[in-house]
């Protein structure tokens, strides 16, 4: 893989986590509208995106490849925990 292909691969790898974090935050704001009314969307999206990127990166390091289902499961679980922490803690 050349430098340009590596750059695009890394960008696409990060785009999955960022997009999933934004979608998860939007869904959380829609489902728990009253409870999350005081929490800014950007804070929820940032927490979910960072958690997703960390889970995907850790899955890539542990499993040796990206795109494994275990990594995506870890990403979903990490986003759920991050959204609960960022949205519902006092």
PDB file of N, CA and C in Angstrom:
ATOM      1  N   UNK A   1       0.854  -1.168   0.000  1.00  0.00           N
ATOM      2  CA  UNK A   1       0.000   0.000   0.000  1.00  0.00           C
ATOM      3  C   UNK A   1       0.900   1.231   0.000  1.00  0.00           C
ATOM      4  N   UNK A   2       0.632   2.112  -0.922  1.00  0.00           N
ATOM      5  CA  UNK A   2       1.410   3.335  -1.026  1.00  0.00           C
ATOM      6  C   UNK A   2       0.972   4.370  -0.005  1.00  0.00           C
ATOM      7  N   UNK A   3       1.639   5.500  -0.038  1.00  0.00           N
ATOM      8  CA  UNK A   3       1.353   6.560   0.920  1.00  0.00           C
ATOM      9  C   UNK A   3      -0.046   7.133   0.716  1.00  0.00           C
ATOM     10  N   UNK A   4      -0.433   7.365  -0.532  1.00  0.00           N
ATOM     11  CA  UNK A   4      -1.751   7.923  -0.804  1.00  0.00           C
ATOM     12  C   UNK A   4      -2.862   6.942  -0.436  1.00  0.00           C
ATOM     13  N   UNK A   5      -2.666   5.668  -0.754  1.00  0.00           N
ATOM     14  CA  UNK A   5      -3.672   4.673  -0.371  1.00  0.00           C
ATOM     15  C   UNK A   5      -3.778   4.550   1.142  1.00  0.00           C
ATOM     16  N   UNK A   6      -2.640   4.616   1.825  1.00  0.00           N
ATOM     17  CA  UNK A   6      -2.641   4.563   3.286  1.00  0.00           C
ATOM     18  C   UNK A   6      -3.361   5.750   3.909  1.00  0.00           C
ATOM     19  N   UNK A   7      -3.175   6.916   3.304  1.00  0.00           N
ATOM     20  CA  UNK A   7      -3.854   8.119   3.782  1.00  0.00           C
ATOM     21  C   UNK A   7      -5.368   7.963   3.653  1.00  0.00           C
ATOM     22  N   UNK A   8      -5.837   7.536   2.471  1.00  0.00           N
ATOM     23  CA  UNK A   8      -7.270   7.373   2.258  1.00  0.00           C
ATOM     24  C   UNK A   8      -7.838   6.252   3.127  1.00  0.00           C
ATOM     25  N   UNK A   9      -7.069   5.194   3.325  1.00  0.00           N
ATOM     26  CA  UNK A   9      -7.527   4.107   4.181  1.00  0.00           C
ATOM     27  C   UNK A   9      -7.697   4.605   5.615  1.00  0.00           C
ATOM     28  N   UNK A  10      -6.743   5.372   6.109  1.00  0.00           N
ATOM     29  CA  UNK A  10      -6.854   5.925   7.456  1.00  0.00           C
ATOM     30  C   UNK A  10      -8.012   6.896   7.599  1.00  0.00           C
ATOM     31  N   UNK A  11      -8.223   7.708   6.576  1.00  0.00           N
ATOM     32  CA  UNK A  11      -9.341   8.651   6.592  1.00  0.00           C
ATOM     33  C   UNK A  11     -10.683   7.914   6.602  1.00  0.00           C
ATOM     34  N   UNK A  12     -10.811   6.894   5.788  1.00  0.00           N
ATOM     35  CA  UNK A  12     -12.039   6.110   5.767  1.00  0.00           C
ATOM     36  C   UNK A  12     -12.229   5.319   7.057  1.00  0.00           C
ATOM     37  N   UNK A  13     -11.135   4.876   7.666  1.00  0.00           N
ATOM     38  CA  UNK A  13     -11.205   4.175   8.943  1.00  0.00           C
ATOM     39  C   UNK A  13     -11.780   5.100  10.016  1.00  0.00           C
ATOM     40  N   UNK A  14     -11.331   6.346  10.038  1.00  0.00           N
ATOM     41  CA  UNK A  14     -11.814   7.303  11.031  1.00  0.00           C
ATOM     42  C   UNK A  14     -13.224   7.783  10.721  1.00  0.00           C
ATOM     43  N   UNK A  15     -13.589   7.837   9.454  1.00  0.00           N
ATOM     44  CA  UNK A  15     -14.921   8.308   9.079  1.00  0.00           C
ATOM     45  C   UNK A  15     -16.018   7.404   9.632  1.00  0.00           C
ATOM     46  N   UNK A  16     -15.748   6.117   9.711  1.00  0.00           N
ATOM     47  CA  UNK A  16     -16.738   5.177  10.256  1.00  0.00           C
ATOM     48  C   UNK A  16     -17.057   5.532  11.706  1.00  0.00           C
ATOM     49  N   UNK A  17     -16.031   5.749  12.501  1.00  0.00           N
ATOM     50  CA  UNK A  17     -16.240   6.087  13.912  1.00  0.00           C
ATOM     51  C   UNK A  17     -16.903   7.441  14.099  1.00  0.00           C
ATOM     52  N   UNK A  18     -16.491   8.424  13.308  1.00  0.00           N
ATOM     53  CA  UNK A  18     -17.080   9.759  13.432  1.00  0.00           C
ATOM     54  C   UNK A  18     -18.552   9.765  13.018  1.00  0.00           C
ATOM     55  N   UNK A  19     -18.862   9.124  11.918  1.00  0.00           N
ATOM     56  CA  UNK A  19     -20.246   9.087  11.449  1.00  0.00           C
ATOM     57  C   UNK A  19     -21.121   8.280  12.402  1.00  0.00           C
ATOM     58  N   UNK A  20     -20.623   7.158  12.867  1.00  0.00           N
ATOM     59  CA  UNK A  20     -21.404   6.349  13.810  1.00  0.00           C
ATOM     60  C   UNK A  20     -21.647   7.109  15.113  1.00  0.00           C
ATOM     61  N   UNK A  21     -20.659   7.860  15.572  1.00  0.00           N
ATOM     62  CA  UNK A  21     -20.834   8.657  16.788  1.00  0.00           C
ATOM     63  C   UNK A  21     -21.875   9.746  16.628  1.00  0.00           C
ATOM     64  N   UNK A  22     -21.886  10.403  15.476  1.00  0.00           N
ATOM     65  CA  UNK A  22     -22.889  11.442  15.219  1.00  0.00           C
ATOM     66  C   UNK A  22     -24.286  10.849  15.092  1.00  0.00           C
ATOM     67  N   UNK A  23     -24.403   9.718  14.430  1.00  0.00           N
ATOM     68  CA  UNK A  23     -25.711   9.073  14.292  1.00  0.00           C
ATOM     69  C   UNK A  23     -26.216   8.593  15.651  1.00  0.00           C
ATOM     70  N   UNK A  24     -25.334   8.015  16.447  1.00  0.00           N
ATOM     71  CA  UNK A  24     -25.746   7.537  17.770  1.00  0.00           C
ATOM     72  C   UNK A  24     -26.181   8.692  18.659  1.00  0.00           C
ATOM     73  N   UNK A  25     -25.474   9.817  18.597  1.00  0.00           N
ATOM     74  CA  UNK A  25     -25.860  10.981  19.400  1.00  0.00           C
ATOM     75  C   UNK A  25     -27.195  11.551  18.942  1.00  0.00           C
ATOM     76  N   UNK A  26     -27.421  11.599  17.638  1.00  0.00           N
ATOM     77  CA  UNK A  26     -28.697  12.101  17.120  1.00  0.00           C
ATOM     78  C   UNK A  26     -29.851  11.193  17.533  1.00  0.00           C
ATOM     79  N   UNK A  27     -29.634   9.888  17.461  1.00  0.00           N
ATOM     80  CA  UNK A  27     -30.684   8.949  17.886  1.00  0.00           C
ATOM     81  C   UNK A  27     -30.953   9.054  19.385  1.00  0.00           C
ATOM     82  N   UNK A  28     -29.900   9.236  20.170  1.00  0.00           N
ATOM     83  CA  UNK A  28     -30.082   9.377  21.615  1.00  0.00           C
ATOM     84  C   UNK A  28     -30.860  10.649  21.934  1.00  0.00           C
ATOM     85  N   UNK A  29     -30.545  11.752  21.227  1.00  0.00           N
ATOM     86  CA  UNK A  29     -31.282  12.997  21.444  1.00  0.00           C
ATOM     87  C   UNK A  29     -32.742  12.852  21.028  1.00  0.00           C
ATOM     88  N   UNK A  30     -33.020  12.041  20.004  1.00  0.00           N
ATOM     89  CA  UNK A  30     -34.393  11.849  19.552  1.00  0.00           C
ATOM     90  C   UNK A  30     -35.184  10.959  20.510  1.00  0.00           C
ATOM     91  N   UNK A  31     -34.556   9.915  21.013  1.00  0.00           N
ATOM     92  CA  UNK A  31     -35.263   8.972  21.887  1.00  0.00           C
ATOM     93  C   UNK A  31     -35.462   9.559  23.286  1.00  0.00           C
ATOM     94  N   UNK A  32     -34.423  10.142  23.847  1.00  0.00           N
ATOM     95  CA  UNK A  32     -34.486  10.719  25.189  1.00  0.00           C
ATOM     96  C   UNK A  32     -34.507  12.239  25.086  1.00  0.00           C
ATOM     97  N   UNK A  33     -35.510  12.758  24.396  1.00  0.00           N
ATOM     98  CA  UNK A  33     -35.595  14.192  24.107  1.00  0.00           C
ATOM     99  C   UNK A  33     -35.640  15.030  25.381  1.00  0.00           C
ATOM    100  N   UNK A  34     -36.484  14.679  26.315  1.00  0.00           N
ATOM    101  CA  UNK A  34     -36.636  15.473  27.538  1.00  0.00           C
ATOM    102  C   UNK A  34     -35.411  15.354  28.437  1.00  0.00           C
ATOM    103  N   UNK A  35     -34.885  14.142  28.585  1.00  0.00           N
ATOM    104  CA  UNK A  35     -33.759  13.939  29.495  1.00  0.00           C
ATOM    105  C   UNK A  35     -32.475  14.582  28.974  1.00  0.00           C
ATOM    106  N   UNK A  36     -32.301  14.628  27.668  1.00  0.00           N
ATOM    107  CA  UNK A  36     -31.072  15.172  27.076  1.00  0.00           C
ATOM    108  C   UNK A  36     -31.244  16.580  26.523  1.00  0.00           C
ATOM    109  N   UNK A  37     -32.319  17.257  26.896  1.00  0.00           N
ATOM    110  CA  UNK A  37     -32.562  18.592  26.340  1.00  0.00           C
ATOM    111  C   UNK A  37     -31.494  19.592  26.765  1.00  0.00           C
ATOM    112  N   UNK A  38     -30.909  19.425  27.927  1.00  0.00           N
ATOM    113  CA  UNK A  38     -29.890  20.351  28.396  1.00  0.00           C
ATOM    114  C   UNK A  38     -28.473  20.026  27.943  1.00  0.00           C
ATOM    115  N   UNK A  39     -28.303  18.903  27.289  1.00  0.00           N
ATOM    116  CA  UNK A  39     -26.973  18.485  26.833  1.00  0.00           C
ATOM    117  C   UNK A  39     -26.779  18.883  25.380  1.00  0.00           C
ATOM    118  N   UNK A  40     -25.702  19.565  25.059  1.00  0.00           N
ATOM    119  CA  UNK A  40     -25.480  19.946  23.657  1.00  0.00           C
ATOM    120  C   UNK A  40     -25.160  18.732  22.782  1.00  0.00           C
ATOM    121  N   UNK A  41     -25.652  18.781  21.567  1.00  0.00           N
ATOM    122  CA  UNK A  41     -25.438  17.679  20.628  1.00  0.00           C
ATOM    123  C   UNK A  41     -23.959  17.438  20.384  1.00  0.00           C
ATOM    124  N   UNK A  42     -23.189  18.506  20.263  1.00  0.00           N
ATOM    125  CA  UNK A  42     -21.762  18.364  19.932  1.00  0.00           C
ATOM    126  C   UNK A  42     -21.018  17.619  21.038  1.00  0.00           C
ATOM    127  N   UNK A  43     -21.437  17.812  22.278  1.00  0.00           N
ATOM    128  CA  UNK A  43     -20.791  17.100  23.396  1.00  0.00           C
ATOM    129  C   UNK A  43     -21.082  15.603  23.325  1.00  0.00           C
ATOM    130  N   UNK A  44     -22.342  15.264  23.045  1.00  0.00           N
ATOM    131  CA  UNK A  44     -22.710  13.854  22.927  1.00  0.00           C
ATOM    132  C   UNK A  44     -22.035  13.207  21.719  1.00  0.00           C
ATOM    133  N   UNK A  45     -22.017  13.924  20.602  1.00  0.00           N
ATOM    134  CA  UNK A  45     -21.396  13.382  19.392  1.00  0.00           C
ATOM    135  C   UNK A  45     -19.890  13.213  19.580  1.00  0.00           C
ATOM    136  N   UNK A  46     -19.250  14.149  20.254  1.00  0.00           N
ATOM    137  CA  UNK A  46     -17.808  14.049  20.487  1.00  0.00           C
ATOM    138  C   UNK A  46     -17.491  12.856  21.388  1.00  0.00           C
ATOM    139  N   UNK A  47     -18.266  12.677  22.451  1.00  0.00           N
ATOM    140  CA  UNK A  47     -18.020  11.556  23.361  1.00  0.00           C
ATOM    141  C   UNK A  47     -18.212  10.221  22.641  1.00  0.00           C
ATOM    142  N   UNK A  48     -19.278  10.113  21.861  1.00  0.00           N
ATOM    143  CA  UNK A  48     -19.543   8.861  21.147  1.00  0.00           C
ATOM    144  C   UNK A  48     -18.505   8.614  20.060  1.00  0.00           C
ATOM    145  N   UNK A  49     -18.088   9.662  19.362  1.00  0.00           N
ATOM    146  CA  UNK A  49     -17.100   9.502  18.290  1.00  0.00           C
ATOM    147  C   UNK A  49     -15.736   9.108  18.831  1.00  0.00           C
ATOM    148  N   UNK A  50     -15.322   9.724  19.921  1.00  0.00           N
ATOM    149  CA  UNK A  50     -14.031   9.373  20.517  1.00  0.00           C
ATOM    150  C   UNK A  50     -14.051   7.933  21.009  1.00  0.00           C
ATOM    151  N   UNK A  51     -15.140   7.546  21.646  1.00  0.00           N
ATOM    152  CA  UNK A  51     -15.256   6.161  22.116  1.00  0.00           C
ATOM    153  C   UNK A  51     -15.242   5.183  20.948  1.00  0.00           C
ATOM    154  N   UNK A  52     -15.925   5.528  19.870  1.00  0.00           N
ATOM    155  CA  UNK A  52     -15.948   4.650  18.697  1.00  0.00           C
ATOM    156  C   UNK A  52     -14.559   4.532  18.079  1.00  0.00           C
ATOM    157  N   UNK A  53     -13.852   5.634  17.952  1.00  0.00           N
ATOM    158  CA  UNK A  53     -12.509   5.595  17.371  1.00  0.00           C
ATOM    159  C   UNK A  53     -11.540   4.799  18.244  1.00  0.00           C
ATOM    160  N   UNK A  54     -11.655   4.965  19.555  1.00  0.00           N
ATOM    161  CA  UNK A  54     -10.787   4.197  20.452  1.00  0.00           C
ATOM    162  C   UNK A  54     -11.081   2.704  20.364  1.00  0.00           C
ATOM    163  N   UNK A  55     -12.350   2.352  20.310  1.00  0.00           N
ATOM    164  CA  UNK A  55     -12.714   0.932  20.217  1.00  0.00           C
ATOM    165  C   UNK A  55     -12.258   0.337  18.892  1.00  0.00           C
ATOM    166  N   UNK A  56     -12.434   1.071  17.803  1.00  0.00           N
ATOM    167  CA  UNK A  56     -11.985   0.563  16.506  1.00  0.00           C
ATOM    168  C   UNK A  56     -10.461   0.441  16.449  1.00  0.00           C
ATOM    169  N   UNK A  57      -9.762   1.424  16.999  1.00  0.00           N
ATOM    170  CA  UNK A  57      -8.299   1.360  17.023  1.00  0.00           C
ATOM    171  C   UNK A  57      -7.789   0.214  17.871  1.00  0.00           C
ATOM    172  N   UNK A  58      -8.414   0.008  19.011  1.00  0.00           N
ATOM    173  CA  UNK A  58      -8.016  -1.107  19.869  1.00  0.00           C
ATOM    174  C   UNK A  58      -8.322  -2.450  19.204  1.00  0.00           C
ATOM    175  N   UNK A  59      -9.465  -2.527  18.537  1.00  0.00           N
ATOM    176  CA  UNK A  59      -9.794  -3.751  17.810  1.00  0.00           C
ATOM    177  C   UNK A  59      -8.824  -4.019  16.675  1.00  0.00           C
ATOM    178  N   UNK A  60      -8.397  -2.969  16.010  1.00  0.00           N
ATOM    179  CA  UNK A  60      -7.417  -3.103  14.925  1.00  0.00           C
ATOM    180  C   UNK A  60      -6.088  -3.612  15.480  1.00  0.00           C
ATOM    181  N   UNK A  61      -5.668  -3.071  16.629  1.00  0.00           N
ATOM    182  CA  UNK A  61      -4.399  -3.495  17.221  1.00  0.00           C
ATOM    183  C   UNK A  61      -4.464  -4.935  17.730  1.00  0.00           C
ATOM    184  N   UNK A  62      -5.574  -5.300  18.371  1.00  0.00           N
ATOM    185  CA  UNK A  62      -5.669  -6.634  18.966  1.00  0.00           C
ATOM    186  C   UNK A  62      -5.937  -7.728  17.933  1.00  0.00           C
ATOM    187  N   UNK A  63      -6.749  -7.405  16.920  1.00  0.00           N
ATOM    188  CA  UNK A  63      -7.156  -8.424  15.954  1.00  0.00           C
ATOM    189  C   UNK A  63      -6.293  -8.434  14.696  1.00  0.00           C
ATOM    190  N   UNK A  64      -5.485  -7.413  14.507  1.00  0.00           N
ATOM    191  CA  UNK A  64      -4.570  -7.394  13.377  1.00  0.00           C
ATOM    192  C   UNK A  64      -5.141  -6.850  12.086  1.00  0.00           C
ATOM    193  N   UNK A  65      -6.444  -6.633  12.013  1.00  0.00           N
ATOM    194  CA  UNK A  65      -7.091  -6.086  10.823  1.00  0.00           C
ATOM    195  C   UNK A  65      -8.231  -5.185  11.260  1.00  0.00           C
ATOM    196  N   UNK A  66      -8.593  -4.271  10.388  1.00  0.00           N
ATOM    197  CA  UNK A  66      -9.799  -3.508  10.669  1.00  0.00           C
ATOM    198  C   UNK A  66     -10.959  -4.168   9.935  1.00  0.00           C
ATOM    199  N   UNK A  67     -12.166  -3.795  10.311  1.00  0.00           N
ATOM    200  CA  UNK A  67     -13.340  -4.356   9.664  1.00  0.00           C
ATOM    201  C   UNK A  67     -13.835  -5.664  10.252  1.00  0.00           C
ATOM    202  N   UNK A  68     -13.352  -6.055  11.407  1.00  0.00           N
ATOM    203  CA  UNK A  68     -13.831  -7.283  12.052  1.00  0.00           C
ATOM    204  C   UNK A  68     -15.115  -6.983  12.821  1.00  0.00           C
ATOM    205  N   UNK A  69     -15.986  -7.964  12.877  1.00  0.00           N
ATOM    206  CA  UNK A  69     -17.268  -7.779  13.559  1.00  0.00           C
ATOM    207  C   UNK A  69     -17.083  -7.531  15.057  1.00  0.00           C
ATOM    208  N   UNK A  70     -16.062  -8.127  15.648  1.00  0.00           N
ATOM    209  CA  UNK A  70     -15.804  -7.898  17.071  1.00  0.00           C
ATOM    210  C   UNK A  70     -15.448  -6.435  17.325  1.00  0.00           C
ATOM    211  N   UNK A  71     -14.754  -5.812  16.394  1.00  0.00           N
ATOM    212  CA  UNK A  71     -14.423  -4.392  16.532  1.00  0.00           C
ATOM    213  C   UNK A  71     -15.672  -3.533  16.465  1.00  0.00           C
ATOM    214  N   UNK A  72     -16.584  -3.887  15.570  1.00  0.00           N
ATOM    215  CA  UNK A  72     -17.813  -3.117  15.450  1.00  0.00           C
ATOM    216  C   UNK A  72     -18.710  -3.314  16.671  1.00  0.00           C
ATOM    217  N   UNK A  73     -18.723  -4.515  17.233  1.00  0.00           N
ATOM    218  CA  UNK A  73     -19.467  -4.743  18.463  1.00  0.00           C
ATOM    219  C   UNK A  73     -18.886  -3.919  19.600  1.00  0.00           C
ATOM    220  N   UNK A  74     -17.561  -3.893  19.701  1.00  0.00           N
ATOM    221  CA  UNK A  74     -16.913  -3.075  20.728  1.00  0.00           C
ATOM    222  C   UNK A  74     -17.205  -1.595  20.507  1.00  0.00           C
ATOM    223  N   UNK A  75     -17.280  -1.162  19.245  1.00  0.00           N
ATOM    224  CA  UNK A  75     -17.583   0.226  18.938  1.00  0.00           C
ATOM    225  C   UNK A  75     -18.980   0.595  19.420  1.00  0.00           C
ATOM    226  N   UNK A  76     -19.959  -0.265  19.160  1.00  0.00           N
ATOM    227  CA  UNK A  76     -21.334   0.010  19.579  1.00  0.00           C
ATOM    228  C   UNK A  76     -21.431   0.060  21.098  1.00  0.00           C
ATOM    229  N   UNK A  77     -20.793  -0.884  21.773  1.00  0.00           N
ATOM    230  CA  UNK A  77     -20.816  -0.893  23.240  1.00  0.00           C
ATOM    231  C   UNK A  77     -20.113   0.326  23.822  1.00  0.00           C
ATOM    232  N   UNK A  78     -18.991   0.716  23.240  1.00  0.00           N
ATOM    233  CA  UNK A  78     -18.259   1.890  23.720  1.00  0.00           C
ATOM    234  C   UNK A  78     -19.067   3.167  23.510  1.00  0.00           C
ATOM    235  N   UNK A  79     -19.757   3.265  22.388  1.00  0.00           N
ATOM    236  CA  UNK A  79     -20.585   4.451  22.151  1.00  0.00           C
ATOM    237  C   UNK A  79     -21.738   4.516  23.144  1.00  0.00           C
ATOM    238  N   UNK A  80     -22.344   3.369  23.453  1.00  0.00           N
ATOM    239  CA  UNK A  80     -23.445   3.345  24.414  1.00  0.00           C
ATOM    240  C   UNK A  80     -22.977   3.796  25.792  1.00  0.00           C
ATOM    241  N   UNK A  81     -21.826   3.316  26.214  1.00  0.00           N
ATOM    242  CA  UNK A  81     -21.293   3.717  27.515  1.00  0.00           C
ATOM    243  C   UNK A  81     -20.936   5.199  27.515  1.00  0.00           C
ATOM    244  N   UNK A  82     -20.319   5.672  26.444  1.00  0.00           N
ATOM    245  CA  UNK A  82     -19.929   7.080  26.374  1.00  0.00           C
ATOM    246  C   UNK A  82     -21.150   7.994  26.351  1.00  0.00           C
ATOM    247  N   UNK A  83     -22.193   7.606  25.626  1.00  0.00           N
ATOM    248  CA  UNK A  83     -23.408   8.419  25.598  1.00  0.00           C
ATOM    249  C   UNK A  83     -24.100   8.428  26.955  1.00  0.00           C
ATOM    250  N   UNK A  84     -24.120   7.296  27.624  1.00  0.00           N
ATOM    251  CA  UNK A  84     -24.715   7.248  28.962  1.00  0.00           C
ATOM    252  C   UNK A  84     -23.926   8.116  29.927  1.00  0.00           C
ATOM    253  N   UNK A  85     -22.614   8.077  29.818  1.00  0.00           N
ATOM    254  CA  UNK A  85     -21.771   8.870  30.718  1.00  0.00           C
ATOM    255  C   UNK A  85     -21.914  10.364  30.415  1.00  0.00           C
ATOM    256  N   UNK A  86     -21.873  10.732  29.143  1.00  0.00           N
ATOM    257  CA  UNK A  86     -21.928  12.145  28.775  1.00  0.00           C
ATOM    258  C   UNK A  86     -23.339  12.722  28.917  1.00  0.00           C
ATOM    259  N   UNK A  87     -24.354  11.900  28.755  1.00  0.00           N
ATOM    260  CA  UNK A  87     -25.696  12.418  28.742  1.00  0.00           C
ATOM    261  C   UNK A  87     -26.459  12.322  30.046  1.00  0.00           C
ATOM    262  N   UNK A  88     -26.161  11.313  30.849  1.00  0.00           N
ATOM    263  CA  UNK A  88     -27.003  11.067  32.023  1.00  0.00           C
ATOM    264  C   UNK A  88     -26.291  11.205  33.359  1.00  0.00           C
ATOM    265  N   UNK A  89     -25.025  11.533  33.373  1.00  0.00           N
ATOM    266  CA  UNK A  89     -24.368  11.706  34.672  1.00  0.00           C
ATOM    267  C   UNK A  89     -24.748  13.060  35.254  1.00  0.00           C
ATOM    268  N   UNK A  90     -24.735  13.141  36.547  1.00  0.00           N
ATOM    269  CA  UNK A  90     -25.132  14.382  37.242  1.00  0.00           C
ATOM    270  C   UNK A  90     -23.950  15.286  37.432  1.00  0.00           C
TER     271      UNK A  90
END
